[in-house]
Amino acid sequence: MRVWNYLQIDWSHQGEIGDCLLHAKTSFGRPFFFEVFLTTAWCIWITRNGKTFRQIRPSFSSWRCLFIHDISLLVHTVKDSIQPKLLGWIQSLP
């Protein structure tokens, strides 16, 4: 939950998965929700695999470092009109 709160993505909606995704996307309010959502899930997965297979203690800071790295690489794959918004959002993260 700390990760999702950090990114200001609200998963409190109850119901079907599609409704939950729509609510989370609406609450996030930026045109690059799915890029952030998928990168976040991927980085959580990688962090958990580190714990499971390499006995690396997971931490928020290690997840954050991996997330910033991966989402920064992803900037080059989004539409040109969205790139400045995504870069600005990344730079605004505490």
PDB file of N, CA and C in Angstrom:
ATOM      1  N   MET A   1       0.827  -1.193   0.000  1.00  0.00           N
ATOM      2  CA  MET A   1       0.000   0.000   0.000  1.00  0.00           C
ATOM      3  C   MET A   1       0.870   1.255   0.000  1.00  0.00           C
ATOM      4  N   ARG A   2       2.036   1.170   0.627  1.00  0.00           N
ATOM      5  CA  ARG A   2       2.909   2.350   0.673  1.00  0.00           C
ATOM      6  C   ARG A   2       3.288   2.803  -0.734  1.00  0.00           C
ATOM      7  N   VAL A   3       3.554   1.848  -1.607  1.00  0.00           N
ATOM      8  CA  VAL A   3       3.935   2.178  -2.988  1.00  0.00           C
ATOM      9  C   VAL A   3       2.801   2.900  -3.695  1.00  0.00           C
ATOM     10  N   TRP A   4       1.598   2.349  -3.616  1.00  0.00           N
ATOM     11  CA  TRP A   4       0.453   2.941  -4.312  1.00  0.00           C
ATOM     12  C   TRP A   4       0.122   4.309  -3.723  1.00  0.00           C
ATOM     13  N   ASN A   5       0.224   4.456  -2.420  1.00  0.00           N
ATOM     14  CA  ASN A   5      -0.007   5.766  -1.798  1.00  0.00           C
ATOM     15  C   ASN A   5       1.044   6.774  -2.244  1.00  0.00           C
ATOM     16  N   TYR A   6       2.287   6.342  -2.320  1.00  0.00           N
ATOM     17  CA  TYR A   6       3.375   7.207  -2.785  1.00  0.00           C
ATOM     18  C   TYR A   6       3.088   7.748  -4.181  1.00  0.00           C
ATOM     19  N   LEU A   7       2.535   6.886  -5.039  1.00  0.00           N
ATOM     20  CA  LEU A   7       2.234   7.281  -6.423  1.00  0.00           C
ATOM     21  C   LEU A   7       0.874   7.968  -6.543  1.00  0.00           C
ATOM     22  N   GLN A   8       0.146   8.058  -5.452  1.00  0.00           N
ATOM     23  CA  GLN A   8      -1.187   8.663  -5.406  1.00  0.00           C
ATOM     24  C   GLN A   8      -2.170   7.943  -6.323  1.00  0.00           C
ATOM     25  N   ILE A   9      -2.127   6.616  -6.248  1.00  0.00           N
ATOM     26  CA  ILE A   9      -3.083   5.782  -6.974  1.00  0.00           C
ATOM     27  C   ILE A   9      -3.984   5.127  -5.931  1.00  0.00           C
ATOM     28  N   ASP A  10      -5.274   5.390  -6.035  1.00  0.00           N
ATOM     29  CA  ASP A  10      -6.260   4.944  -5.045  1.00  0.00           C
ATOM     30  C   ASP A  10      -6.907   3.634  -5.488  1.00  0.00           C
ATOM     31  N   TRP A  11      -6.703   2.596  -4.696  1.00  0.00           N
ATOM     32  CA  TRP A  11      -7.293   1.278  -4.979  1.00  0.00           C
ATOM     33  C   TRP A  11      -8.430   0.961  -4.010  1.00  0.00           C
ATOM     34  N   SER A  12      -9.055   1.960  -3.415  1.00  0.00           N
ATOM     35  CA  SER A  12     -10.072   1.713  -2.395  1.00  0.00           C
ATOM     36  C   SER A  12     -11.431   1.297  -2.969  1.00  0.00           C
ATOM     37  N   HIS A  13     -11.616   1.426  -4.257  1.00  0.00           N
ATOM     38  CA  HIS A  13     -12.909   1.088  -4.871  1.00  0.00           C
ATOM     39  C   HIS A  13     -13.173  -0.411  -4.771  1.00  0.00           C
ATOM     40  N   GLN A  14     -14.374  -0.771  -4.431  1.00  0.00           N
ATOM     41  CA  GLN A  14     -14.788  -2.178  -4.345  1.00  0.00           C
ATOM     42  C   GLN A  14     -15.565  -2.556  -5.599  1.00  0.00           C
ATOM     43  N   GLY A  15     -15.440  -3.793  -6.040  1.00  0.00           N
ATOM     44  CA  GLY A  15     -16.213  -4.263  -7.182  1.00  0.00           C
ATOM     45  C   GLY A  15     -15.376  -5.048  -8.161  1.00  0.00           C
ATOM     46  N   GLU A  16     -15.847  -5.090  -9.395  1.00  0.00           N
ATOM     47  CA  GLU A  16     -15.163  -5.823 -10.464  1.00  0.00           C
ATOM     48  C   GLU A  16     -13.797  -5.199 -10.735  1.00  0.00           C
ATOM     49  N   ILE A  17     -12.869  -6.016 -11.225  1.00  0.00           N
ATOM     50  CA  ILE A  17     -11.509  -5.545 -11.479  1.00  0.00           C
ATOM     51  C   ILE A  17     -11.494  -4.383 -12.473  1.00  0.00           C
ATOM     52  N   GLY A  18     -12.335  -4.444 -13.486  1.00  0.00           N
ATOM     53  CA  GLY A  18     -12.408  -3.357 -14.465  1.00  0.00           C
ATOM     54  C   GLY A  18     -12.838  -2.046 -13.829  1.00  0.00           C
ATOM     55  N   ASP A  19     -13.800  -2.125 -12.918  1.00  0.00           N
ATOM     56  CA  ASP A  19     -14.261  -0.930 -12.202  1.00  0.00           C
ATOM     57  C   ASP A  19     -13.158  -0.383 -11.298  1.00  0.00           C
ATOM     58  N   CYS A  20     -12.421  -1.286 -10.653  1.00  0.00           N
ATOM     59  CA  CYS A  20     -11.314  -0.856  -9.780  1.00  0.00           C
ATOM     60  C   CYS A  20     -10.230  -0.159 -10.590  1.00  0.00           C
ATOM     61  N   LEU A  21      -9.898  -0.713 -11.762  1.00  0.00           N
ATOM     62  CA  LEU A  21      -8.899  -0.081 -12.632  1.00  0.00           C
ATOM     63  C   LEU A  21      -9.358   1.290 -13.103  1.00  0.00           C
ATOM     64  N   LEU A  22     -10.616   1.391 -13.491  1.00  0.00           N
ATOM     65  CA  LEU A  22     -11.151   2.668 -13.951  1.00  0.00           C
ATOM     66  C   LEU A  22     -11.120   3.704 -12.832  1.00  0.00           C
ATOM     67  N   HIS A  23     -11.482   3.297 -11.636  1.00  0.00           N
ATOM     68  CA  HIS A  23     -11.440   4.216 -10.488  1.00  0.00           C
ATOM     69  C   HIS A  23      -9.999   4.660 -10.210  1.00  0.00           C
ATOM     70  N   ALA A  24      -9.066   3.707 -10.227  1.00  0.00           N
ATOM     71  CA  ALA A  24      -7.658   4.042  -9.970  1.00  0.00           C
ATOM     72  C   ALA A  24      -7.131   4.997 -11.043  1.00  0.00           C
ATOM     73  N   LYS A  25      -7.487   4.728 -12.301  1.00  0.00           N
ATOM     74  CA  LYS A  25      -7.043   5.595 -13.401  1.00  0.00           C
ATOM     75  C   LYS A  25      -7.610   6.997 -13.240  1.00  0.00           C
ATOM     76  N   THR A  26      -8.875   7.081 -12.899  1.00  0.00           N
ATOM     77  CA  THR A  26      -9.525   8.381 -12.712  1.00  0.00           C
ATOM     78  C   THR A  26      -8.912   9.129 -11.531  1.00  0.00           C
ATOM     79  N   SER A  27      -8.663   8.425 -10.452  1.00  0.00           N
ATOM     80  CA  SER A  27      -8.092   9.084  -9.272  1.00  0.00           C
ATOM     81  C   SER A  27      -6.662   9.552  -9.537  1.00  0.00           C
ATOM     82  N   PHE A  28      -5.917   8.832 -10.367  1.00  0.00           N
ATOM     83  CA  PHE A  28      -4.545   9.214 -10.709  1.00  0.00           C
ATOM     84  C   PHE A  28      -4.554  10.484 -11.558  1.00  0.00           C
ATOM     85  N   GLY A  29      -5.462  10.541 -12.530  1.00  0.00           N
ATOM     86  CA  GLY A  29      -5.710  11.764 -13.283  1.00  0.00           C
ATOM     87  C   GLY A  29      -4.626  12.214 -14.250  1.00  0.00           C
ATOM     88  N   ARG A  30      -3.806  11.296 -14.703  1.00  0.00           N
ATOM     89  CA  ARG A  30      -2.764  11.655 -15.676  1.00  0.00           C
ATOM     90  C   ARG A  30      -2.851  10.710 -16.865  1.00  0.00           C
ATOM     91  N   PRO A  31      -2.415  11.155 -18.047  1.00  0.00           N
ATOM     92  CA  PRO A  31      -2.596  10.338 -19.256  1.00  0.00           C
ATOM     93  C   PRO A  31      -1.659   9.134 -19.364  1.00  0.00           C
ATOM     94  N   PHE A  32      -0.798   8.936 -18.395  1.00  0.00           N
ATOM     95  CA  PHE A  32       0.155   7.823 -18.452  1.00  0.00           C
ATOM     96  C   PHE A  32      -0.076   6.829 -17.307  1.00  0.00           C
ATOM     97  N   PHE A  33      -1.346   6.662 -16.921  1.00  0.00           N
ATOM     98  CA  PHE A  33      -1.685   5.759 -15.814  1.00  0.00           C
ATOM     99  C   PHE A  33      -1.190   4.345 -16.057  1.00  0.00           C
ATOM    100  N   PHE A  34      -1.471   3.784 -17.223  1.00  0.00           N
ATOM    101  CA  PHE A  34      -1.146   2.380 -17.443  1.00  0.00           C
ATOM    102  C   PHE A  34       0.359   2.146 -17.484  1.00  0.00           C
ATOM    103  N   GLU A  35       1.115   3.108 -17.956  1.00  0.00           N
ATOM    104  CA  GLU A  35       2.571   2.984 -17.925  1.00  0.00           C
ATOM    105  C   GLU A  35       3.070   2.932 -16.477  1.00  0.00           C
ATOM    106  N   VAL A  36       2.510   3.806 -15.646  1.00  0.00           N
ATOM    107  CA  VAL A  36       2.900   3.837 -14.232  1.00  0.00           C
ATOM    108  C   VAL A  36       2.411   2.569 -13.530  1.00  0.00           C
ATOM    109  N   PHE A  37       1.179   2.180 -13.781  1.00  0.00           N
ATOM    110  CA  PHE A  37       0.600   0.987 -13.160  1.00  0.00           C
ATOM    111  C   PHE A  37       1.428  -0.256 -13.480  1.00  0.00           C
ATOM    112  N   LEU A  38       1.716  -0.473 -14.753  1.00  0.00           N
ATOM    113  CA  LEU A  38       2.459  -1.677 -15.148  1.00  0.00           C
ATOM    114  C   LEU A  38       3.899  -1.651 -14.651  1.00  0.00           C
ATOM    115  N   THR A  39       4.535  -0.503 -14.704  1.00  0.00           N
ATOM    116  CA  THR A  39       5.910  -0.395 -14.213  1.00  0.00           C
ATOM    117  C   THR A  39       5.949  -0.624 -12.703  1.00  0.00           C
ATOM    118  N   THR A  40       4.972  -0.098 -11.993  1.00  0.00           N
ATOM    119  CA  THR A  40       4.893  -0.301 -10.547  1.00  0.00           C
ATOM    120  C   THR A  40       4.741  -1.779 -10.217  1.00  0.00           C
ATOM    121  N   ALA A  41       3.796  -2.436 -10.890  1.00  0.00           N
ATOM    122  CA  ALA A  41       3.573  -3.860 -10.644  1.00  0.00           C
ATOM    123  C   ALA A  41       4.836  -4.669 -10.961  1.00  0.00           C
ATOM    124  N   TRP A  42       5.499  -4.347 -12.065  1.00  0.00           N
ATOM    125  CA  TRP A  42       6.730  -5.032 -12.450  1.00  0.00           C
ATOM    126  C   TRP A  42       7.809  -4.862 -11.370  1.00  0.00           C
ATOM    127  N   CYS A  43       7.967  -3.655 -10.878  1.00  0.00           N
ATOM    128  CA  CYS A  43       9.008  -3.389  -9.880  1.00  0.00           C
ATOM    129  C   CYS A  43       8.685  -4.051  -8.539  1.00  0.00           C
ATOM    130  N   ILE A  44       7.413  -4.142  -8.190  1.00  0.00           N
ATOM    131  CA  ILE A  44       7.016  -4.881  -6.994  1.00  0.00           C
ATOM    132  C   ILE A  44       7.374  -6.357  -7.182  1.00  0.00           C
ATOM    133  N   TRP A  45       7.071  -6.889  -8.353  1.00  0.00           N
ATOM    134  CA  TRP A  45       7.375  -8.290  -8.667  1.00  0.00           C
ATOM    135  C   TRP A  45       8.881  -8.567  -8.561  1.00  0.00           C
ATOM    136  N   ILE A  46       9.690  -7.700  -9.153  1.00  0.00           N
ATOM    137  CA  ILE A  46      11.143  -7.860  -9.120  1.00  0.00           C
ATOM    138  C   ILE A  46      11.663  -7.777  -7.685  1.00  0.00           C
ATOM    139  N   THR A  47      11.129  -6.848  -6.914  1.00  0.00           N
ATOM    140  CA  THR A  47      11.541  -6.699  -5.521  1.00  0.00           C
ATOM    141  C   THR A  47      11.186  -7.939  -4.704  1.00  0.00           C
ATOM    142  N   ARG A  48      10.007  -8.472  -4.920  1.00  0.00           N
ATOM    143  CA  ARG A  48       9.589  -9.688  -4.203  1.00  0.00           C
ATOM    144  C   ARG A  48      10.412 -10.893  -4.646  1.00  0.00           C
ATOM    145  N   ASN A  49      10.758 -10.962  -5.930  1.00  0.00           N
ATOM    146  CA  ASN A  49      11.615 -12.056  -6.397  1.00  0.00           C
ATOM    147  C   ASN A  49      12.991 -11.987  -5.750  1.00  0.00           C
ATOM    148  N   GLY A  50      13.496 -10.781  -5.524  1.00  0.00           N
ATOM    149  CA  GLY A  50      14.771 -10.621  -4.834  1.00  0.00           C
ATOM    150  C   GLY A  50      14.720 -11.234  -3.444  1.00  0.00           C
ATOM    151  N   LYS A  51      13.612 -11.034  -2.769  1.00  0.00           N
ATOM    152  CA  LYS A  51      13.449 -11.613  -1.439  1.00  0.00           C
ATOM    153  C   LYS A  51      13.351 -13.134  -1.526  1.00  0.00           C
ATOM    154  N   THR A  52      12.555 -13.620  -2.460  1.00  0.00           N
ATOM    155  CA  THR A  52      12.286 -15.049  -2.564  1.00  0.00           C
ATOM    156  C   THR A  52      13.500 -15.848  -3.022  1.00  0.00           C
ATOM    157  N   PHE A  53      14.196 -15.344  -4.033  1.00  0.00           N
ATOM    158  CA  PHE A  53      15.240 -16.145  -4.661  1.00  0.00           C
ATOM    159  C   PHE A  53      16.670 -15.750  -4.288  1.00  0.00           C
ATOM    160  N   ARG A  54      16.848 -14.538  -3.783  1.00  0.00           N
ATOM    161  CA  ARG A  54      18.203 -14.081  -3.455  1.00  0.00           C
ATOM    162  C   ARG A  54      18.334 -13.587  -2.025  1.00  0.00           C
ATOM    163  N   GLN A  55      17.275 -13.763  -1.240  1.00  0.00           N
ATOM    164  CA  GLN A  55      17.257 -13.369   0.166  1.00  0.00           C
ATOM    165  C   GLN A  55      17.653 -11.902   0.368  1.00  0.00           C
ATOM    166  N   ILE A  56      17.232 -11.056  -0.573  1.00  0.00           N
ATOM    167  CA  ILE A  56      17.455  -9.614  -0.452  1.00  0.00           C
ATOM    168  C   ILE A  56      16.257  -9.021   0.291  1.00  0.00           C
ATOM    169  N   ARG A  57      16.544  -8.325   1.356  1.00  0.00           N
ATOM    170  CA  ARG A  57      15.465  -7.733   2.135  1.00  0.00           C
ATOM    171  C   ARG A  57      14.804  -6.612   1.330  1.00  0.00           C
ATOM    172  N   PRO A  58      13.491  -6.726   1.088  1.00  0.00           N
ATOM    173  CA  PRO A  58      12.816  -5.669   0.319  1.00  0.00           C
ATOM    174  C   PRO A  58      12.690  -4.397   1.130  1.00  0.00           C
ATOM    175  N   SER A  59      12.773  -3.276   0.427  1.00  0.00           N
ATOM    176  CA  SER A  59      12.575  -1.989   1.088  1.00  0.00           C
ATOM    177  C   SER A  59      11.901  -1.040   0.099  1.00  0.00           C
ATOM    178  N   PHE A  60      11.263  -0.046   0.661  1.00  0.00           N
ATOM    179  CA  PHE A  60      10.627   0.953  -0.180  1.00  0.00           C
ATOM    180  C   PHE A  60      11.671   1.683  -1.019  1.00  0.00           C
ATOM    181  N   SER A  61      12.797   2.008  -0.429  1.00  0.00           N
ATOM    182  CA  SER A  61      13.823   2.766  -1.163  1.00  0.00           C
ATOM    183  C   SER A  61      14.402   1.956  -2.321  1.00  0.00           C
ATOM    184  N   SER A  62      14.573   0.638  -2.149  1.00  0.00           N
ATOM    185  CA  SER A  62      15.075  -0.167  -3.273  1.00  0.00           C
ATOM    186  C   SER A  62      14.017  -0.272  -4.369  1.00  0.00           C
ATOM    187  N   TRP A  63      12.735  -0.408  -3.961  1.00  0.00           N
ATOM    188  CA  TRP A  63      11.665  -0.412  -4.962  1.00  0.00           C
ATOM    189  C   TRP A  63      11.645   0.918  -5.707  1.00  0.00           C
ATOM    190  N   ARG A  64      11.734   2.023  -4.973  1.00  0.00           N
ATOM    191  CA  ARG A  64      11.669   3.354  -5.578  1.00  0.00           C
ATOM    192  C   ARG A  64      12.798   3.560  -6.579  1.00  0.00           C
ATOM    193  N   CYS A  65      13.987   3.149  -6.235  1.00  0.00           N
ATOM    194  CA  CYS A  65      15.138   3.288  -7.131  1.00  0.00           C
ATOM    195  C   CYS A  65      14.900   2.509  -8.433  1.00  0.00           C
ATOM    196  N   LEU A  66      14.419   1.280  -8.309  1.00  0.00           N
ATOM    197  CA  LEU A  66      14.124   0.462  -9.485  1.00  0.00           C
ATOM    198  C   LEU A  66      13.004   1.093 -10.314  1.00  0.00           C
ATOM    199  N   PHE A  67      11.960   1.589  -9.640  1.00  0.00           N
ATOM    200  CA  PHE A  67      10.837   2.210 -10.334  1.00  0.00           C
ATOM    201  C   PHE A  67      11.282   3.444 -11.114  1.00  0.00           C
ATOM    202  N   ILE A  68      12.024   4.338 -10.473  1.00  0.00           N
ATOM    203  CA  ILE A  68      12.486   5.561 -11.141  1.00  0.00           C
ATOM    204  C   ILE A  68      13.334   5.204 -12.352  1.00  0.00           C
ATOM    205  N   HIS A  69      14.194   4.226 -12.214  1.00  0.00           N
ATOM    206  CA  HIS A  69      15.035   3.788 -13.333  1.00  0.00           C
ATOM    207  C   HIS A  69      14.168   3.285 -14.495  1.00  0.00           C
ATOM    208  N   ASP A  70      13.256   2.355 -14.199  1.00  0.00           N
ATOM    209  CA  ASP A  70      12.446   1.742 -15.256  1.00  0.00           C
ATOM    210  C   ASP A  70      11.468   2.723 -15.893  1.00  0.00           C
ATOM    211  N   ILE A  71      10.817   3.559 -15.092  1.00  0.00           N
ATOM    212  CA  ILE A  71       9.854   4.507 -15.662  1.00  0.00           C
ATOM    213  C   ILE A  71      10.577   5.570 -16.478  1.00  0.00           C
ATOM    214  N   SER A  72      11.798   5.906 -16.110  1.00  0.00           N
ATOM    215  CA  SER A  72      12.587   6.867 -16.883  1.00  0.00           C
ATOM    216  C   SER A  72      12.954   6.292 -18.243  1.00  0.00           C
ATOM    217  N   LEU A  73      13.228   5.006 -18.304  1.00  0.00           N
ATOM    218  CA  LEU A  73      13.499   4.362 -19.590  1.00  0.00           C
ATOM    219  C   LEU A  73      12.239   4.314 -20.449  1.00  0.00           C
ATOM    220  N   LEU A  74      11.111   4.154 -19.800  1.00  0.00           N
ATOM    221  CA  LEU A  74       9.837   4.052 -20.513  1.00  0.00           C
ATOM    222  C   LEU A  74       9.425   5.367 -21.172  1.00  0.00           C
ATOM    223  N   VAL A  75       9.962   6.474 -20.707  1.00  0.00           N
ATOM    224  CA  VAL A  75       9.621   7.787 -21.266  1.00  0.00           C
ATOM    225  C   VAL A  75       9.818   7.796 -22.778  1.00  0.00           C
ATOM    226  N   HIS A  76      10.801   7.081 -23.253  1.00  0.00           N
ATOM    227  CA  HIS A  76      11.120   7.088 -24.684  1.00  0.00           C
ATOM    228  C   HIS A  76      10.122   6.299 -25.527  1.00  0.00           C
ATOM    229  N   THR A  77       9.216   5.571 -24.883  1.00  0.00           N
ATOM    230  CA  THR A  77       8.256   4.767 -25.630  1.00  0.00           C
ATOM    231  C   THR A  77       6.861   5.382 -25.693  1.00  0.00           C
ATOM    232  N   VAL A  78       6.616   6.451 -24.954  1.00  0.00           N
ATOM    233  CA  VAL A  78       5.290   7.070 -24.953  1.00  0.00           C
ATOM    234  C   VAL A  78       5.205   8.137 -26.045  1.00  0.00           C
ATOM    235  N   LYS A  79       3.988   8.547 -26.336  1.00  0.00           N
ATOM    236  CA  LYS A  79       3.771   9.574 -27.353  1.00  0.00           C
ATOM    237  C   LYS A  79       4.557  10.834 -27.016  1.00  0.00           C
ATOM    238  N   ASP A  80       5.007  11.524 -28.046  1.00  0.00           N
ATOM    239  CA  ASP A  80       5.778  12.755 -27.853  1.00  0.00           C
ATOM    240  C   ASP A  80       5.037  13.779 -27.006  1.00  0.00           C
ATOM    241  N   SER A  81       3.715  13.835 -27.163  1.00  0.00           N
ATOM    242  CA  SER A  81       2.931  14.820 -26.414  1.00  0.00           C
ATOM    243  C   SER A  81       2.873  14.501 -24.917  1.00  0.00           C
ATOM    244  N   ILE A  82       3.091  13.252 -24.552  1.00  0.00           N
ATOM    245  CA  ILE A  82       3.012  12.832 -23.153  1.00  0.00           C
ATOM    246  C   ILE A  82       4.383  12.865 -22.479  1.00  0.00           C
ATOM    247  N   GLN A  83       5.457  12.783 -23.248  1.00  0.00           N
ATOM    248  CA  GLN A  83       6.803  12.704 -22.669  1.00  0.00           C
ATOM    249  C   GLN A  83       7.107  13.809 -21.658  1.00  0.00           C
ATOM    250  N   PRO A  84       6.862  15.093 -21.985  1.00  0.00           N
ATOM    251  CA  PRO A  84       7.177  16.144 -20.995  1.00  0.00           C
ATOM    252  C   PRO A  84       6.367  16.012 -19.706  1.00  0.00           C
ATOM    253  N   LYS A  85       5.111  15.578 -19.831  1.00  0.00           N
ATOM    254  CA  LYS A  85       4.264  15.406 -18.646  1.00  0.00           C
ATOM    255  C   LYS A  85       4.800  14.281 -17.762  1.00  0.00           C
ATOM    256  N   LEU A  86       5.190  13.177 -18.392  1.00  0.00           N
ATOM    257  CA  LEU A  86       5.721  12.046 -17.636  1.00  0.00           C
ATOM    258  C   LEU A  86       7.057  12.405 -16.985  1.00  0.00           C
ATOM    259  N   LEU A  87       7.921  13.071 -17.720  1.00  0.00           N
ATOM    260  CA  LEU A  87       9.207  13.498 -17.153  1.00  0.00           C
ATOM    261  C   LEU A  87       9.007  14.456 -15.983  1.00  0.00           C
ATOM    262  N   GLY A  88       8.101  15.393 -16.128  1.00  0.00           N
ATOM    263  CA  GLY A  88       7.802  16.342 -15.052  1.00  0.00           C
ATOM    264  C   GLY A  88       7.258  15.632 -13.827  1.00  0.00           C
ATOM    265  N   TRP A  89       6.401  14.655 -14.055  1.00  0.00           N
ATOM    266  CA  TRP A  89       5.835  13.886 -12.939  1.00  0.00           C
ATOM    267  C   TRP A  89       6.927  13.109 -12.222  1.00  0.00           C
ATOM    268  N   ILE A  90       7.803  12.461 -12.969  1.00  0.00           N
ATOM    269  CA  ILE A  90       8.908  11.705 -12.374  1.00  0.00           C
ATOM    270  C   ILE A  90       9.777  12.629 -11.524  1.00  0.00           C
ATOM    271  N   GLN A  91      10.103  13.784 -12.055  1.00  0.00           N
ATOM    272  CA  GLN A  91      10.955  14.721 -11.335  1.00  0.00           C
ATOM    273  C   GLN A  91      10.285  15.306 -10.109  1.00  0.00           C
ATOM    274  N   SER A  92       8.955  15.305 -10.087  1.00  0.00           N
ATOM    275  CA  SER A  92       8.228  15.856  -8.938  1.00  0.00           C
ATOM    276  C   SER A  92       8.063  14.858  -7.793  1.00  0.00           C
ATOM    277  N   LEU A  93       8.387  13.599  -8.046  1.00  0.00           N
ATOM    278  CA  LEU A  93       8.244  12.599  -6.996  1.00  0.00           C
ATOM    279  C   LEU A  93       9.220  12.890  -5.853  1.00  0.00           C
ATOM    280  N   PRO A  94       8.728  12.806  -4.634  1.00  0.00           N
ATOM    281  CA  PRO A  94       9.634  13.065  -3.498  1.00  0.00           C
ATOM    282  C   PRO A  94      10.656  11.953  -3.311  1.00  0.00           C
TER     283      PRO A  94
END
